[in-house]
Structures are given as structure tokens and as C-alpha cells.
Amino acid sequence: MEEWVEMDEHKCRCQGFGWAEVSKDRYVECPLHFEGQLHPDTQALLLDEPNRLAEEERKARLQFYIKNGRSKIANFQKQIKMEQEKLLKLELELINRTPTVKAMPAVQYETVIEEVSDDDIVCLEGDSI
């Protein structure tokens, strides 16, 4: 956030109008108080046409709220997708009856050495040793 932004509209460089003059004839949107207000130059051009000015201000605010609404929906969709993935993992764990994080016990192997004789070998019909 810009260093000149203040919560108090009267202390903020934009004075609560949503646009701050950062240099001569150069304005930037205030990240805190901008709510779709028209650019100051556009307002100055439309001062002679109050009906058109009101209509442009209305459109600008609607566009701002639409853009913010779409952004919120996109963020919610990301959250929903993450929660669905978590839910799927839990459901799979329930179906498989295996925990997702499972410490396997160590298997103990015994080495068995036996003497094998010819009598222990079994041949199938037609096979020879």
C-alpha cells in the first residue's frame, strides 16, 4: 500500500475522493478510498453536462463493484477447490480404511538356510531334472 494512504479520509492524500494527485496533473487511485469514482480530469470535462456526469459516475461505480465481485468469486472458487480436494482425500481414506499418513511397522526377516536333496525336488509330468 502507498505510504501516503491514511484511514482517515481527511488526512489521506485523496481526501476521500478515491484519487490522489501524486504530481502535477497526475492522479492515481487510492487503494483504500477508491470505489469506482471517475478520474478528476473526466469529472472536469463533464461538469457542463450534469446528467451525463451522473450517468458516467453510476457506470464507473457499477464497473468497480462488478470487478470486485468477480475477484471475490474467483477467490472463493479457489478456496472451494482446495476444500474439495481435502474432502476427497478424507473420503478415500474412509473407503480404503487406510490412514493417509501411516507409519508401517518394520518387518523382521529371518535368514533360513536348508539343505536341499534330490528327494525334495518335485517334477511335473514331462519335465526332467
N, C-alpha and C. Protein backbone atom coordinates (compact mmCIF):
# COMPACT_ATOMS: atom_id res chain seq x y z
N MET A 1 0.85 -1.18 0.00
CA MET A 1 0.00 0.00 0.00
C MET A 1 0.89 1.24 0.00
N GLU A 2 0.41 2.25 -0.64
CA GLU A 2 1.17 3.50 -0.76
C GLU A 2 1.40 4.13 0.62
N GLU A 3 2.51 4.83 0.75
CA GLU A 3 2.85 5.45 2.03
C GLU A 3 1.96 6.64 2.36
N TRP A 4 1.33 7.23 1.38
CA TRP A 4 0.51 8.41 1.63
C TRP A 4 -0.93 8.06 2.01
N VAL A 5 -1.27 6.80 1.97
CA VAL A 5 -2.64 6.37 2.27
C VAL A 5 -2.88 6.44 3.78
N GLU A 6 -4.02 7.01 4.14
CA GLU A 6 -4.42 7.13 5.54
C GLU A 6 -5.86 6.64 5.68
N MET A 7 -6.16 5.98 6.80
CA MET A 7 -7.53 5.51 7.05
C MET A 7 -8.49 6.70 7.12
N ASP A 8 -8.07 7.75 7.78
CA ASP A 8 -8.89 8.95 7.93
C ASP A 8 -8.92 9.67 6.58
N GLU A 9 -10.11 9.81 6.02
CA GLU A 9 -10.26 10.45 4.70
C GLU A 9 -9.68 11.86 4.66
N HIS A 10 -9.80 12.57 5.76
CA HIS A 10 -9.33 13.96 5.79
C HIS A 10 -7.81 14.07 5.82
N LYS A 11 -7.14 13.03 6.32
CA LYS A 11 -5.68 13.02 6.36
C LYS A 11 -5.08 12.38 5.11
N CYS A 12 -5.90 11.58 4.43
CA CYS A 12 -5.42 10.88 3.24
C CYS A 12 -5.20 11.87 2.10
N ARG A 13 -4.24 11.57 1.28
CA ARG A 13 -3.92 12.45 0.16
C ARG A 13 -5.09 12.56 -0.83
N CYS A 14 -5.94 11.53 -0.90
CA CYS A 14 -7.08 11.58 -1.83
C CYS A 14 -8.25 12.37 -1.27
N GLN A 15 -8.19 12.70 0.02
CA GLN A 15 -9.26 13.43 0.70
C GLN A 15 -10.61 12.69 0.63
N GLY A 16 -10.54 11.35 0.48
CA GLY A 16 -11.74 10.54 0.43
C GLY A 16 -12.42 10.49 -0.92
N PHE A 17 -11.82 11.14 -1.93
CA PHE A 17 -12.42 11.16 -3.26
C PHE A 17 -11.96 10.00 -4.14
N GLY A 18 -11.03 9.17 -3.65
CA GLY A 18 -10.61 7.99 -4.39
C GLY A 18 -9.44 8.19 -5.34
N TRP A 19 -9.10 9.43 -5.61
CA TRP A 19 -7.97 9.73 -6.50
C TRP A 19 -7.02 10.70 -5.79
N ALA A 20 -5.74 10.40 -5.86
CA ALA A 20 -4.75 11.27 -5.23
C ALA A 20 -3.84 11.85 -6.30
N GLU A 21 -3.59 13.14 -6.19
CA GLU A 21 -2.68 13.79 -7.14
C GLU A 21 -1.26 13.58 -6.63
N VAL A 22 -0.48 12.78 -7.38
CA VAL A 22 0.88 12.46 -6.96
C VAL A 22 1.90 13.41 -7.56
N SER A 23 1.56 14.04 -8.65
CA SER A 23 2.38 15.09 -9.24
C SER A 23 1.44 15.97 -10.06
N LYS A 24 1.97 17.03 -10.63
CA LYS A 24 1.12 17.97 -11.36
C LYS A 24 0.37 17.24 -12.48
N ASP A 25 -0.95 17.27 -12.40
CA ASP A 25 -1.84 16.64 -13.38
C ASP A 25 -1.65 15.13 -13.52
N ARG A 26 -1.16 14.47 -12.47
CA ARG A 26 -1.03 13.01 -12.50
C ARG A 26 -1.70 12.45 -11.25
N TYR A 27 -2.76 11.67 -11.50
CA TYR A 27 -3.55 11.11 -10.41
C TYR A 27 -3.42 9.59 -10.38
N VAL A 28 -3.50 9.04 -9.18
CA VAL A 28 -3.52 7.58 -9.01
C VAL A 28 -4.70 7.22 -8.11
N GLU A 29 -5.22 6.00 -8.33
CA GLU A 29 -6.31 5.53 -7.49
C GLU A 29 -5.81 5.31 -6.07
N CYS A 30 -6.59 5.72 -5.12
CA CYS A 30 -6.27 5.45 -3.71
C CYS A 30 -6.68 4.00 -3.43
N PRO A 31 -5.74 3.18 -2.97
CA PRO A 31 -6.08 1.78 -2.72
C PRO A 31 -7.08 1.57 -1.59
N LEU A 32 -7.31 2.59 -0.80
CA LEU A 32 -8.22 2.47 0.33
C LEU A 32 -9.58 3.11 0.07
N HIS A 33 -9.61 4.26 -0.57
CA HIS A 33 -10.85 5.01 -0.72
C HIS A 33 -11.44 4.98 -2.13
N PHE A 34 -10.75 4.38 -3.06
CA PHE A 34 -11.29 4.31 -4.42
C PHE A 34 -12.43 3.29 -4.47
N GLU A 35 -13.58 3.76 -4.93
CA GLU A 35 -14.75 2.90 -5.08
C GLU A 35 -15.41 3.14 -6.43
N GLY A 36 -14.59 3.29 -7.46
CA GLY A 36 -15.12 3.48 -8.80
C GLY A 36 -15.38 4.93 -9.18
N GLN A 37 -14.86 5.88 -8.41
CA GLN A 37 -15.08 7.28 -8.74
C GLN A 37 -14.41 7.61 -10.08
N LEU A 38 -15.01 8.55 -10.78
CA LEU A 38 -14.43 8.99 -12.05
C LEU A 38 -13.10 9.70 -11.82
N HIS A 39 -12.25 9.61 -12.81
CA HIS A 39 -10.97 10.32 -12.79
C HIS A 39 -11.27 11.82 -12.72
N PRO A 40 -10.49 12.59 -11.96
CA PRO A 40 -10.74 14.04 -11.84
C PRO A 40 -10.79 14.77 -13.19
N ASP A 41 -9.96 14.36 -14.14
CA ASP A 41 -9.99 15.02 -15.45
C ASP A 41 -11.31 14.74 -16.17
N THR A 42 -11.84 13.53 -16.03
CA THR A 42 -13.12 13.18 -16.65
C THR A 42 -14.24 13.99 -16.00
N GLN A 43 -14.17 14.12 -14.69
CA GLN A 43 -15.18 14.93 -13.99
C GLN A 43 -15.14 16.37 -14.48
N ALA A 44 -13.94 16.93 -14.65
CA ALA A 44 -13.81 18.32 -15.11
C ALA A 44 -14.40 18.50 -16.51
N LEU A 45 -14.20 17.50 -17.37
CA LEU A 45 -14.75 17.59 -18.73
C LEU A 45 -16.27 17.53 -18.76
N LEU A 46 -16.86 16.83 -17.79
CA LEU A 46 -18.31 16.63 -17.80
C LEU A 46 -19.07 17.58 -16.87
N LEU A 47 -18.39 18.56 -16.29
CA LEU A 47 -19.08 19.48 -15.37
C LEU A 47 -20.22 20.24 -16.04
N ASP A 48 -20.10 20.50 -17.33
CA ASP A 48 -21.14 21.25 -18.05
C ASP A 48 -22.35 20.37 -18.37
N GLU A 49 -22.20 19.06 -18.22
CA GLU A 49 -23.29 18.12 -18.52
C GLU A 49 -23.60 17.28 -17.28
N PRO A 50 -24.37 17.84 -16.36
CA PRO A 50 -24.62 17.13 -15.09
C PRO A 50 -25.31 15.77 -15.25
N ASN A 51 -26.21 15.65 -16.21
CA ASN A 51 -26.88 14.36 -16.41
C ASN A 51 -25.89 13.29 -16.89
N ARG A 52 -25.06 13.66 -17.84
CA ARG A 52 -24.06 12.73 -18.35
C ARG A 52 -23.02 12.40 -17.27
N LEU A 53 -22.65 13.39 -16.49
CA LEU A 53 -21.70 13.18 -15.40
C LEU A 53 -22.26 12.16 -14.41
N ALA A 54 -23.54 12.33 -14.04
CA ALA A 54 -24.17 11.40 -13.10
C ALA A 54 -24.22 9.98 -13.69
N GLU A 55 -24.51 9.88 -14.97
CA GLU A 55 -24.56 8.57 -15.63
C GLU A 55 -23.18 7.91 -15.68
N GLU A 56 -22.16 8.68 -15.99
CA GLU A 56 -20.79 8.14 -16.05
C GLU A 56 -20.30 7.71 -14.66
N GLU A 57 -20.67 8.49 -13.64
CA GLU A 57 -20.31 8.11 -12.27
C GLU A 57 -21.01 6.82 -11.86
N ARG A 58 -22.28 6.70 -12.25
CA ARG A 58 -23.03 5.48 -11.95
C ARG A 58 -22.38 4.27 -12.63
N LYS A 59 -22.03 4.41 -13.91
CA LYS A 59 -21.40 3.31 -14.65
C LYS A 59 -20.04 2.94 -14.05
N ALA A 60 -19.26 3.95 -13.68
CA ALA A 60 -17.94 3.70 -13.12
C ALA A 60 -18.04 2.92 -11.81
N ARG A 61 -18.99 3.30 -10.96
CA ARG A 61 -19.17 2.57 -9.69
C ARG A 61 -19.63 1.14 -9.94
N LEU A 62 -20.57 0.96 -10.87
CA LEU A 62 -21.04 -0.39 -11.19
C LEU A 62 -19.91 -1.25 -11.71
N GLN A 63 -19.07 -0.70 -12.59
CA GLN A 63 -17.94 -1.46 -13.12
C GLN A 63 -16.98 -1.85 -12.00
N PHE A 64 -16.77 -0.95 -11.06
CA PHE A 64 -15.90 -1.24 -9.92
C PHE A 64 -16.46 -2.39 -9.08
N TYR A 65 -17.76 -2.33 -8.78
CA TYR A 65 -18.36 -3.38 -7.95
C TYR A 65 -18.41 -4.72 -8.69
N ILE A 66 -18.62 -4.69 -9.99
CA ILE A 66 -18.62 -5.91 -10.79
C ILE A 66 -17.23 -6.54 -10.77
N LYS A 67 -16.20 -5.72 -10.96
CA LYS A 67 -14.82 -6.22 -10.95
C LYS A 67 -14.48 -6.83 -9.59
N ASN A 68 -14.83 -6.14 -8.51
CA ASN A 68 -14.57 -6.66 -7.17
C ASN A 68 -15.36 -7.94 -6.90
N GLY A 69 -16.59 -7.98 -7.36
CA GLY A 69 -17.42 -9.17 -7.18
C GLY A 69 -16.83 -10.38 -7.89
N ARG A 70 -16.36 -10.17 -9.11
CA ARG A 70 -15.73 -11.27 -9.86
C ARG A 70 -14.45 -11.74 -9.17
N SER A 71 -13.69 -10.80 -8.64
CA SER A 71 -12.46 -11.15 -7.92
C SER A 71 -12.78 -11.98 -6.68
N LYS A 72 -13.80 -11.59 -5.94
CA LYS A 72 -14.20 -12.34 -4.74
C LYS A 72 -14.66 -13.74 -5.12
N ILE A 73 -15.44 -13.85 -6.18
CA ILE A 73 -15.93 -15.15 -6.63
C ILE A 73 -14.76 -16.05 -7.02
N ALA A 74 -13.77 -15.50 -7.73
CA ALA A 74 -12.59 -16.28 -8.13
C ALA A 74 -11.84 -16.79 -6.90
N ASN A 75 -11.69 -15.94 -5.89
CA ASN A 75 -11.02 -16.36 -4.65
C ASN A 75 -11.81 -17.44 -3.92
N PHE A 76 -13.14 -17.29 -3.88
CA PHE A 76 -13.97 -18.31 -3.25
C PHE A 76 -13.89 -19.63 -4.01
N GLN A 77 -13.84 -19.56 -5.33
CA GLN A 77 -13.74 -20.78 -6.13
C GLN A 77 -12.42 -21.51 -5.85
N LYS A 78 -11.35 -20.76 -5.66
CA LYS A 78 -10.06 -21.38 -5.31
C LYS A 78 -10.17 -22.07 -3.95
N GLN A 79 -10.80 -21.39 -2.98
CA GLN A 79 -10.96 -21.98 -1.66
C GLN A 79 -11.83 -23.23 -1.71
N ILE A 80 -12.89 -23.18 -2.51
CA ILE A 80 -13.78 -24.33 -2.65
C ILE A 80 -13.02 -25.51 -3.25
N LYS A 81 -12.22 -25.25 -4.27
CA LYS A 81 -11.45 -26.32 -4.90
C LYS A 81 -10.49 -26.97 -3.90
N MET A 82 -9.82 -26.16 -3.09
CA MET A 82 -8.90 -26.70 -2.08
C MET A 82 -9.66 -27.55 -1.07
N GLU A 83 -10.82 -27.08 -0.63
CA GLU A 83 -11.62 -27.82 0.34
C GLU A 83 -12.15 -29.12 -0.27
N GLN A 84 -12.51 -29.09 -1.57
CA GLN A 84 -12.97 -30.30 -2.24
C GLN A 84 -11.86 -31.34 -2.31
N GLU A 85 -10.63 -30.90 -2.56
CA GLU A 85 -9.50 -31.82 -2.61
C GLU A 85 -9.27 -32.45 -1.23
N LYS A 86 -9.36 -31.64 -0.18
CA LYS A 86 -9.20 -32.18 1.18
C LYS A 86 -10.30 -33.20 1.48
N LEU A 87 -11.53 -32.86 1.10
CA LEU A 87 -12.66 -33.75 1.34
C LEU A 87 -12.49 -35.06 0.59
N LEU A 88 -12.04 -35.00 -0.65
CA LEU A 88 -11.82 -36.20 -1.45
C LEU A 88 -10.78 -37.11 -0.79
N LYS A 89 -9.70 -36.53 -0.29
CA LYS A 89 -8.68 -37.32 0.40
C LYS A 89 -9.27 -38.02 1.63
N LEU A 90 -10.08 -37.29 2.37
CA LEU A 90 -10.69 -37.88 3.56
C LEU A 90 -11.66 -39.00 3.18
N GLU A 91 -12.45 -38.80 2.13
CA GLU A 91 -13.38 -39.83 1.69
C GLU A 91 -12.64 -41.07 1.21
N LEU A 92 -11.55 -40.86 0.47
CA LEU A 92 -10.75 -42.00 0.02
C LEU A 92 -10.15 -42.74 1.19
N GLU A 93 -9.72 -42.00 2.17
CA GLU A 93 -9.16 -42.63 3.37
C GLU A 93 -10.22 -43.47 4.05
N LEU A 94 -11.45 -42.97 4.12
CA LEU A 94 -12.54 -43.70 4.75
C LEU A 94 -12.87 -44.97 3.97
N ILE A 95 -12.93 -44.88 2.66
CA ILE A 95 -13.25 -46.03 1.81
C ILE A 95 -12.16 -47.08 1.89
N ASN A 96 -10.92 -46.65 1.80
CA ASN A 96 -9.80 -47.58 1.80
C ASN A 96 -9.45 -48.10 3.18
N ARG A 97 -9.97 -47.46 4.19
CA ARG A 97 -9.69 -47.80 5.58
C ARG A 97 -8.20 -47.76 5.88
N THR A 98 -7.52 -46.91 5.18
CA THR A 98 -6.09 -46.73 5.44
C THR A 98 -5.85 -45.27 5.70
N PRO A 99 -5.12 -44.97 6.74
CA PRO A 99 -4.83 -43.55 7.01
C PRO A 99 -3.91 -42.97 5.94
N THR A 100 -4.06 -41.70 5.69
CA THR A 100 -3.21 -41.06 4.68
C THR A 100 -1.77 -40.97 5.15
N VAL A 101 -1.58 -40.86 6.44
CA VAL A 101 -0.23 -40.86 6.99
C VAL A 101 -0.15 -42.07 7.91
N LYS A 102 0.59 -43.06 7.47
CA LYS A 102 0.64 -44.30 8.23
C LYS A 102 2.08 -44.74 8.39
N ALA A 103 2.46 -44.99 9.61
CA ALA A 103 3.80 -45.50 9.87
C ALA A 103 3.74 -47.02 9.78
N MET A 104 4.45 -47.57 8.84
CA MET A 104 4.46 -49.02 8.65
C MET A 104 5.42 -49.64 9.66
N PRO A 105 4.99 -50.74 10.30
CA PRO A 105 5.91 -51.41 11.23
C PRO A 105 7.05 -52.07 10.46
N ALA A 106 8.20 -52.10 11.08
CA ALA A 106 9.35 -52.72 10.43
C ALA A 106 9.14 -54.22 10.35
N VAL A 107 9.43 -54.79 9.21
CA VAL A 107 9.28 -56.22 9.00
C VAL A 107 10.61 -56.89 9.34
N GLN A 108 10.53 -57.92 10.19
CA GLN A 108 11.73 -58.66 10.58
C GLN A 108 11.89 -59.86 9.65
N TYR A 109 13.01 -59.93 8.99
CA TYR A 109 13.29 -61.04 8.09
C TYR A 109 14.24 -62.02 8.77
N GLU A 110 13.97 -63.31 8.60
CA GLU A 110 14.87 -64.34 9.12
C GLU A 110 15.54 -65.02 7.95
N THR A 111 16.79 -65.23 8.07
CA THR A 111 17.52 -65.92 7.03
C THR A 111 17.43 -67.41 7.32
N VAL A 112 16.88 -68.17 6.37
CA VAL A 112 16.72 -69.61 6.53
C VAL A 112 17.58 -70.30 5.50
N ILE A 113 18.49 -71.14 5.98
CA ILE A 113 19.35 -71.91 5.08
C ILE A 113 19.05 -73.39 5.34
N GLU A 114 18.63 -74.09 4.31
CA GLU A 114 18.31 -75.50 4.43
C GLU A 114 19.10 -76.29 3.40
N GLU A 115 19.35 -77.47 3.75
CA GLU A 115 19.97 -78.40 2.80
C GLU A 115 18.85 -78.96 1.94
N VAL A 116 19.03 -78.94 0.64
CA VAL A 116 18.04 -79.47 -0.28
C VAL A 116 18.62 -80.73 -0.93
N SER A 117 17.84 -81.79 -0.89
CA SER A 117 18.29 -83.03 -1.53
C SER A 117 17.46 -83.29 -2.78
N ASP A 118 17.88 -84.26 -3.57
CA ASP A 118 17.15 -84.59 -4.79
C ASP A 118 15.75 -85.10 -4.49
N ASP A 119 15.54 -85.66 -3.31
CA ASP A 119 14.22 -86.19 -2.94
C ASP A 119 13.22 -85.05 -2.69
N ASP A 120 13.72 -83.86 -2.39
CA ASP A 120 12.85 -82.72 -2.09
C ASP A 120 12.32 -82.05 -3.36
N ILE A 121 12.91 -82.35 -4.51
CA ILE A 121 12.52 -81.70 -5.75
C ILE A 121 11.42 -82.51 -6.39
N VAL A 122 10.35 -81.85 -6.73
CA VAL A 122 9.19 -82.49 -7.37
C VAL A 122 9.15 -82.07 -8.81
N CYS A 123 9.01 -83.02 -9.71
CA CYS A 123 8.94 -82.74 -11.15
C CYS A 123 7.53 -82.98 -11.62
N LEU A 124 7.09 -82.17 -12.54
CA LEU A 124 5.79 -82.37 -13.17
C LEU A 124 5.97 -83.34 -14.33
N GLU A 125 4.89 -83.93 -14.77
CA GLU A 125 4.94 -84.87 -15.87
C GLU A 125 5.56 -84.22 -17.09
N GLY A 126 6.49 -84.89 -17.70
CA GLY A 126 7.15 -84.40 -18.89
C GLY A 126 8.36 -83.56 -18.61
N ASP A 127 8.54 -83.06 -17.39
CA ASP A 127 9.73 -82.29 -17.03
C ASP A 127 10.80 -83.23 -16.55
N SER A 128 11.99 -82.85 -16.75
CA SER A 128 13.09 -83.67 -16.25
C SER A 128 14.06 -82.80 -15.48
N ILE A 129 14.84 -83.43 -14.65
CA ILE A 129 15.81 -82.69 -13.85
C ILE A 129 17.11 -82.60 -14.57
